[in-house]
Amino acid sequence: MTVTEVWCDRCGESEATGAHEACAAARALEPPRYCARCRRRMKVQVVPTGWSAVCVEHGEIRG
């Protein structure tokens, strides 16, 4: 069985390393900066109607 680590999409640190209350609060207003699956820094574009974030490994998410 393989255990996959989950990463914080704002600071890039492991979700298991502690509470990420500040990250969760910031994410209410900001797009993600790191891929939660692989920890890579994503290319983020913010437009008046929303945002898009692209991970080279896992593709695009929008908000």
N, C-alpha and C. Protein backbone atom coordinates (compact mmCIF):
# COMPACT_ATOMS: atom_id res chain seq x y z
N MET A 1 0.84 -1.18 0.00
CA MET A 1 0.00 0.00 0.00
C MET A 1 0.89 1.24 0.00
N THR A 2 0.60 2.19 -0.85
CA THR A 2 1.37 3.42 -0.95
C THR A 2 0.62 4.54 -0.25
N VAL A 3 1.33 5.26 0.60
CA VAL A 3 0.74 6.41 1.29
C VAL A 3 1.15 7.66 0.52
N THR A 4 0.17 8.44 0.12
CA THR A 4 0.44 9.66 -0.62
C THR A 4 0.31 10.85 0.32
N GLU A 5 1.36 11.65 0.38
CA GLU A 5 1.33 12.82 1.25
C GLU A 5 0.53 13.93 0.58
N VAL A 6 -0.19 14.70 1.37
CA VAL A 6 -0.98 15.82 0.87
C VAL A 6 -0.28 17.10 1.30
N TRP A 7 -0.15 18.02 0.36
CA TRP A 7 0.57 19.26 0.60
C TRP A 7 -0.41 20.43 0.70
N CYS A 8 -0.06 21.44 1.49
CA CYS A 8 -0.86 22.67 1.60
C CYS A 8 -0.74 23.41 0.28
N ASP A 9 -1.86 23.82 -0.30
CA ASP A 9 -1.82 24.49 -1.60
C ASP A 9 -1.47 25.97 -1.49
N ARG A 10 -1.24 26.47 -0.28
CA ARG A 10 -0.82 27.86 -0.13
C ARG A 10 0.65 27.98 0.22
N CYS A 11 1.13 27.22 1.23
CA CYS A 11 2.52 27.36 1.67
C CYS A 11 3.42 26.26 1.13
N GLY A 12 2.86 25.16 0.66
CA GLY A 12 3.64 24.08 0.09
C GLY A 12 4.18 23.09 1.10
N GLU A 13 3.88 23.27 2.37
CA GLU A 13 4.34 22.34 3.41
C GLU A 13 3.34 21.19 3.56
N SER A 14 3.77 20.13 4.22
CA SER A 14 2.92 18.97 4.42
C SER A 14 1.72 19.33 5.28
N GLU A 15 0.55 18.83 4.92
CA GLU A 15 -0.66 19.06 5.72
C GLU A 15 -0.53 18.42 7.10
N ALA A 16 0.32 17.38 7.20
CA ALA A 16 0.48 16.66 8.46
C ALA A 16 1.39 17.39 9.45
N THR A 17 2.11 18.42 9.03
CA THR A 17 3.06 19.09 9.91
C THR A 17 2.41 20.02 10.92
N GLY A 18 1.14 20.25 10.80
CA GLY A 18 0.49 21.13 11.76
C GLY A 18 -0.76 21.76 11.18
N ALA A 19 -1.37 22.56 11.99
CA ALA A 19 -2.58 23.25 11.57
C ALA A 19 -2.22 24.38 10.60
N HIS A 20 -2.99 24.53 9.59
CA HIS A 20 -2.76 25.56 8.58
C HIS A 20 -3.92 26.56 8.60
N GLU A 21 -4.25 27.08 9.78
CA GLU A 21 -5.37 28.02 9.89
C GLU A 21 -5.11 29.29 9.09
N ALA A 22 -3.89 29.82 9.16
CA ALA A 22 -3.56 31.04 8.41
C ALA A 22 -3.66 30.80 6.91
N CYS A 23 -3.23 29.62 6.48
CA CYS A 23 -3.32 29.27 5.06
C CYS A 23 -4.78 29.16 4.62
N ALA A 24 -5.59 28.52 5.44
CA ALA A 24 -7.02 28.37 5.11
C ALA A 24 -7.69 29.74 5.04
N ALA A 25 -7.35 30.63 5.94
CA ALA A 25 -7.93 31.97 5.93
C ALA A 25 -7.49 32.74 4.68
N ALA A 26 -6.23 32.63 4.33
CA ALA A 26 -5.73 33.32 3.14
C ALA A 26 -6.34 32.73 1.87
N ARG A 27 -6.54 31.41 1.84
CA ARG A 27 -7.11 30.75 0.66
C ARG A 27 -8.54 31.17 0.38
N ALA A 28 -9.22 31.73 1.38
CA ALA A 28 -10.57 32.23 1.15
C ALA A 28 -10.54 33.42 0.18
N LEU A 29 -9.39 34.11 0.12
CA LEU A 29 -9.26 35.29 -0.73
C LEU A 29 -8.28 35.13 -1.88
N GLU A 30 -7.41 34.13 -1.84
CA GLU A 30 -6.35 33.96 -2.82
C GLU A 30 -6.44 32.61 -3.53
N PRO A 31 -5.89 32.53 -4.74
CA PRO A 31 -5.82 31.23 -5.42
C PRO A 31 -4.71 30.37 -4.81
N PRO A 32 -4.71 29.07 -5.08
CA PRO A 32 -3.64 28.22 -4.57
C PRO A 32 -2.33 28.56 -5.27
N ARG A 33 -1.22 28.33 -4.59
CA ARG A 33 0.10 28.60 -5.17
C ARG A 33 0.89 27.32 -5.42
N TYR A 34 0.57 26.25 -4.70
CA TYR A 34 1.27 24.97 -4.85
C TYR A 34 0.26 23.88 -5.17
N CYS A 35 0.69 22.89 -5.93
CA CYS A 35 -0.15 21.73 -6.22
C CYS A 35 -0.25 20.89 -4.95
N ALA A 36 -1.46 20.56 -4.54
CA ALA A 36 -1.67 19.77 -3.32
C ALA A 36 -1.26 18.31 -3.52
N ARG A 37 -1.13 17.87 -4.76
CA ARG A 37 -0.76 16.48 -5.04
C ARG A 37 0.73 16.26 -5.14
N CYS A 38 1.48 17.25 -5.69
CA CYS A 38 2.92 17.02 -5.92
C CYS A 38 3.83 18.10 -5.36
N ARG A 39 3.27 19.16 -4.79
CA ARG A 39 4.01 20.23 -4.14
C ARG A 39 4.75 21.15 -5.12
N ARG A 40 4.47 21.05 -6.40
CA ARG A 40 5.11 21.94 -7.36
C ARG A 40 4.47 23.31 -7.31
N ARG A 41 5.26 24.33 -7.55
CA ARG A 41 4.75 25.69 -7.65
C ARG A 41 3.95 25.77 -8.94
N MET A 42 2.75 26.35 -8.85
CA MET A 42 1.87 26.43 -10.03
C MET A 42 1.94 27.82 -10.66
N LYS A 43 1.64 27.85 -11.96
CA LYS A 43 1.51 29.11 -12.68
C LYS A 43 0.09 29.61 -12.43
N VAL A 44 -0.05 30.78 -11.81
CA VAL A 44 -1.36 31.30 -11.41
C VAL A 44 -1.66 32.57 -12.19
N GLN A 45 -2.88 32.65 -12.68
CA GLN A 45 -3.35 33.86 -13.36
C GLN A 45 -4.65 34.30 -12.71
N VAL A 46 -4.68 35.57 -12.30
CA VAL A 46 -5.87 36.14 -11.68
C VAL A 46 -6.48 37.15 -12.65
N VAL A 47 -7.77 37.00 -12.90
CA VAL A 47 -8.53 37.91 -13.77
C VAL A 47 -9.74 38.39 -12.98
N PRO A 48 -10.41 39.45 -13.45
CA PRO A 48 -11.57 39.96 -12.71
C PRO A 48 -12.68 38.94 -12.45
N THR A 49 -12.79 37.94 -13.30
CA THR A 49 -13.87 36.96 -13.14
C THR A 49 -13.46 35.72 -12.35
N GLY A 50 -12.19 35.61 -11.92
CA GLY A 50 -11.74 34.44 -11.16
C GLY A 50 -10.24 34.23 -11.29
N TRP A 51 -9.82 32.98 -11.26
CA TRP A 51 -8.41 32.64 -11.35
C TRP A 51 -8.24 31.26 -11.98
N SER A 52 -7.04 30.99 -12.46
CA SER A 52 -6.68 29.66 -12.92
C SER A 52 -5.28 29.36 -12.42
N ALA A 53 -5.03 28.11 -12.09
CA ALA A 53 -3.72 27.67 -11.62
C ALA A 53 -3.36 26.40 -12.36
N VAL A 54 -2.14 26.34 -12.90
CA VAL A 54 -1.72 25.21 -13.71
C VAL A 54 -0.51 24.53 -13.10
N CYS A 55 -0.64 23.23 -12.87
CA CYS A 55 0.47 22.38 -12.45
C CYS A 55 0.95 21.65 -13.71
N VAL A 56 2.26 21.63 -13.96
CA VAL A 56 2.75 20.97 -15.17
C VAL A 56 2.49 19.47 -15.13
N GLU A 57 2.33 18.90 -13.96
CA GLU A 57 2.10 17.47 -13.82
C GLU A 57 0.61 17.11 -13.81
N HIS A 58 -0.22 17.92 -13.13
CA HIS A 58 -1.62 17.54 -12.89
C HIS A 58 -2.66 18.42 -13.58
N GLY A 59 -2.24 19.41 -14.35
CA GLY A 59 -3.19 20.20 -15.12
C GLY A 59 -3.70 21.44 -14.42
N GLU A 60 -4.83 21.92 -14.91
CA GLU A 60 -5.38 23.20 -14.50
C GLU A 60 -6.58 23.06 -13.57
N ILE A 61 -6.65 23.99 -12.61
CA ILE A 61 -7.85 24.15 -11.79
C ILE A 61 -8.28 25.61 -11.88
N ARG A 62 -9.56 25.84 -11.72
CA ARG A 62 -10.11 27.21 -11.81
C ARG A 62 -10.96 27.53 -10.60
N GLY A 63 -11.05 28.80 -10.35
CA GLY A 63 -11.89 29.23 -9.24
C GLY A 63 -12.45 30.60 -9.46
